[in-house]
Amino acid sequence: SGGPGGPGGVPRILGICTGEPLPRDLARDLLDGACVSELWNGYGPTETCVWSSFHRVTHDDVHDARTLPIGTPVANTALHICDADGQRVPVGVVGELVIGGAGVARGYLGRVDLTRDKFITDPWSAPSLNSGRMYRTGDLARWRNDGVVECLGRNDDQVKLRGYRIELGEVEAALASVPGVAQ
């Protein structure tokens, strides 16, 4: 099956996954099947210019880790993992992932209450990175000993379906407003 690149002489490509969590089985298949020359897992919500961190996925990641890492921050971005009081937590401790830096949005149009809750003052980032704001992602994460971040899921009931955020409480309220629907 020789030739340059992957099986059958098909050139191997750079694989990048963003927008949704990269499934471990897909990452394993891509790496083990030599379908990609490199595989990168990106992370970042819309509120922070979409790409806030990247991690080059390795065979060790897909065979040994429970979750695929989301990596380290991209240029002009800072990642913090904070407790319920907004203080940074030590390596290995789970907290909320908070993103600071030049890519943080100003807030939500016409949603002052939500903006106040999710966009907070940034006391830590260097002035060259600092937009003055950080975004509270609602995602649980932890720093690994090697300086890489793992995303561990949500701290609320929000789910994503094909890239769309869905608040389950809003779905429940809409269904409850339909005549004849109880619970």
Protein backbone atom coordinates (compact mmCIF):
# COMPACT_ATOMS: atom_id res chain seq x y z
CA SER A 1 0.00 0.00 0.00
CA GLY A 2 3.13 2.19 -0.21
CA GLY A 3 3.59 5.63 -1.67
CA PRO A 4 4.01 8.84 0.22
CA GLY A 5 1.48 9.42 2.95
CA GLY A 6 -1.17 7.00 4.09
CA PRO A 7 -2.65 3.75 2.83
CA GLY A 8 -2.84 3.30 -0.94
CA GLY A 9 -0.55 6.27 -1.58
CA VAL A 10 -3.19 8.78 -0.42
CA PRO A 11 -1.33 11.75 1.03
CA ARG A 12 -1.77 12.01 4.77
CA ILE A 13 -3.43 15.20 5.92
CA LEU A 14 -3.46 17.43 8.96
CA GLY A 15 -6.58 16.70 11.03
CA ILE A 16 -8.13 19.45 13.14
CA CYS A 17 -11.24 18.99 15.27
CA THR A 18 -13.02 22.03 16.73
CA GLY A 19 -16.59 22.98 17.55
CA GLU A 20 -17.50 19.69 19.21
CA PRO A 21 -15.58 17.36 21.53
CA LEU A 22 -13.32 14.99 19.60
CA PRO A 23 -14.48 11.41 20.31
CA ARG A 24 -11.63 9.23 21.55
CA ASP A 25 -12.59 6.38 19.24
CA LEU A 26 -12.46 8.66 16.18
CA ALA A 27 -9.07 10.06 17.25
CA ARG A 28 -7.77 6.53 17.78
CA ASP A 29 -9.04 5.41 14.37
CA LEU A 30 -7.47 8.41 12.63
CA LEU A 31 -4.10 7.95 14.32
CA ASP A 32 -3.97 4.14 14.26
CA GLY A 33 -5.12 4.02 10.65
CA ALA A 34 -2.39 6.48 9.65
CA CYS A 35 -5.08 8.63 8.02
CA VAL A 36 -3.61 11.88 9.29
CA SER A 37 -0.05 13.11 9.63
CA GLU A 38 -1.08 15.07 12.74
CA LEU A 39 -4.30 15.36 14.72
CA TRP A 40 -5.15 18.50 16.71
CA ASN A 41 -7.99 18.97 19.17
CA GLY A 42 -9.17 22.58 19.45
CA TYR A 43 -11.41 24.19 22.04
CA GLY A 44 -13.14 27.51 22.32
CA PRO A 45 -16.62 28.91 22.61
CA THR A 46 -18.05 31.55 20.28
CA GLU A 47 -17.64 34.14 23.05
CA THR A 48 -13.84 33.84 22.78
CA CYS A 49 -13.27 33.82 19.03
CA VAL A 50 -13.90 30.07 18.75
CA TRP A 51 -10.29 28.83 19.02
CA SER A 52 -8.88 29.37 22.51
CA SER A 53 -6.66 26.30 22.87
CA PHE A 54 -5.17 23.45 20.89
CA HIS A 55 -3.56 20.12 21.66
CA ARG A 56 -1.69 17.80 19.33
CA VAL A 57 -3.31 14.44 19.99
CA THR A 58 -0.89 11.54 20.42
CA HIS A 59 -1.24 7.77 20.56
CA ASP A 60 -0.78 8.02 24.35
CA ASP A 61 -3.75 10.40 24.55
CA VAL A 62 -6.13 8.07 22.74
CA HIS A 63 -4.95 4.85 24.40
CA ASP A 64 -4.25 5.97 27.96
CA ALA A 65 -6.24 9.10 28.80
CA ARG A 66 -9.87 9.13 29.95
CA THR A 67 -10.53 12.41 28.13
CA LEU A 68 -8.73 14.00 25.22
CA PRO A 69 -6.89 17.13 26.30
CA ILE A 70 -7.87 20.53 24.89
CA GLY A 71 -4.29 21.69 25.29
CA THR A 72 -2.73 25.03 25.96
CA PRO A 73 -3.92 28.53 25.11
CA VAL A 74 -3.39 30.03 21.66
CA ALA A 75 -1.58 33.37 21.30
CA ASN A 76 -3.12 36.32 23.16
CA THR A 77 -5.29 33.98 25.25
CA ALA A 78 -5.17 32.91 28.90
CA LEU A 79 -6.88 29.88 30.42
CA HIS A 80 -7.77 29.83 34.11
CA ILE A 81 -9.48 27.13 36.11
CA CYS A 82 -11.42 28.62 38.99
CA ASP A 83 -13.42 27.50 42.00
CA ALA A 84 -16.93 28.71 42.87
CA ASP A 85 -15.43 31.87 44.43
CA GLY A 86 -13.55 32.77 41.25
CA GLN A 87 -10.12 31.85 42.63
CA ARG A 88 -7.68 29.79 40.58
CA VAL A 89 -7.32 26.18 41.68
CA PRO A 90 -4.12 24.09 41.84
CA VAL A 91 -3.01 21.60 39.22
CA GLY A 92 -5.23 18.51 39.18
CA VAL A 93 -8.21 20.18 40.88
CA VAL A 94 -11.44 20.43 38.90
CA GLY A 95 -12.99 23.86 38.46
CA GLU A 96 -14.70 26.04 35.87
CA LEU A 97 -12.70 26.95 32.78
CA VAL A 98 -12.47 30.73 32.43
CA ILE A 99 -10.90 32.36 29.35
CA GLY A 100 -9.24 35.74 29.18
CA GLY A 101 -7.39 37.59 26.47
CA ALA A 102 -7.76 39.65 23.34
CA GLY A 103 -10.44 37.41 21.81
CA VAL A 104 -13.02 37.72 24.59
CA ALA A 105 -16.27 39.24 23.31
CA ARG A 106 -17.83 42.34 24.86
CA GLY A 107 -20.92 40.42 25.96
CA TYR A 108 -24.32 39.34 24.72
CA LEU A 109 -26.35 41.79 22.65
CA GLY A 110 -29.41 42.88 24.62
CA ARG A 111 -28.68 40.42 27.48
CA VAL A 112 -27.25 42.58 30.26
CA ASP A 113 -28.05 40.00 32.96
CA LEU A 114 -26.35 37.13 31.13
CA THR A 115 -23.39 39.34 30.17
CA ARG A 116 -22.92 40.33 33.83
CA ASP A 117 -22.94 36.65 34.86
CA LYS A 118 -20.65 35.22 32.17
CA PHE A 119 -18.23 38.09 31.40
CA ILE A 120 -16.23 39.05 34.47
CA THR A 121 -13.30 41.36 35.22
CA ASP A 122 -9.90 39.85 34.40
CA PRO A 123 -7.45 40.43 37.27
CA TRP A 124 -4.69 38.11 36.04
CA SER A 125 -3.82 38.43 32.35
CA ALA A 126 -0.90 40.48 31.15
CA PRO A 127 -1.90 43.89 29.72
CA SER A 128 -0.89 42.75 26.21
CA LEU A 129 -3.43 39.91 26.43
CA ASN A 130 -6.07 41.69 28.40
CA SER A 131 -9.39 42.79 27.01
CA GLY A 132 -10.28 43.57 30.62
CA ARG A 133 -12.75 40.68 30.61
CA MET A 134 -12.82 36.96 31.07
CA TYR A 135 -15.52 34.57 29.93
CA ARG A 136 -16.91 31.93 32.30
CA THR A 137 -17.43 28.94 29.98
CA GLY A 138 -19.54 26.71 32.22
CA ASP A 139 -17.18 23.85 31.34
CA LEU A 140 -15.42 21.85 34.03
CA ALA A 141 -11.70 21.38 33.52
CA ARG A 142 -8.40 20.73 35.24
CA TRP A 143 -4.72 21.39 34.59
CA ARG A 144 -2.54 18.33 34.14
CA ASN A 145 0.98 18.26 35.59
CA ASP A 146 2.42 18.88 32.11
CA GLY A 147 0.60 22.23 31.70
CA VAL A 148 -2.15 20.86 29.47
CA VAL A 149 -5.88 21.34 30.16
CA GLU A 150 -8.48 18.57 30.12
CA CYS A 151 -12.15 19.50 29.64
CA LEU A 152 -14.39 17.28 31.74
CA GLY A 153 -17.93 18.31 30.78
CA ARG A 154 -20.45 20.93 31.90
CA ASN A 155 -21.26 22.42 35.30
CA ASP A 156 -24.91 22.86 34.25
CA ASP A 157 -27.54 21.09 32.14
CA GLN A 158 -26.59 22.72 28.82
CA VAL A 159 -26.01 20.34 25.92
CA LYS A 160 -24.84 20.89 22.37
CA LEU A 161 -26.42 19.24 19.38
CA ARG A 162 -24.70 19.70 16.02
CA GLY A 163 -23.05 22.88 17.29
CA TYR A 164 -26.22 24.43 18.74
CA ARG A 165 -26.41 25.12 22.46
CA ILE A 166 -29.56 23.81 24.05
CA GLU A 167 -30.68 24.76 27.55
CA LEU A 168 -32.70 21.79 28.78
CA GLY A 169 -34.60 24.02 31.22
CA GLU A 170 -35.86 26.12 28.30
CA VAL A 171 -37.00 22.99 26.46
CA GLU A 172 -38.78 21.76 29.59
CA ALA A 173 -40.52 25.14 30.07
CA ALA A 174 -41.64 25.21 26.42
CA LEU A 175 -43.05 21.69 26.65
CA ALA A 176 -44.82 22.47 29.93
CA SER A 177 -46.61 25.39 28.23
CA VAL A 178 -48.26 23.03 25.72
CA PRO A 179 -51.85 22.18 26.73
CA GLY A 180 -52.15 18.57 27.84
CA VAL A 181 -48.44 18.19 28.71
CA ALA A 182 -47.64 17.80 32.41
CA GLN A 183 -44.11 16.58 33.03
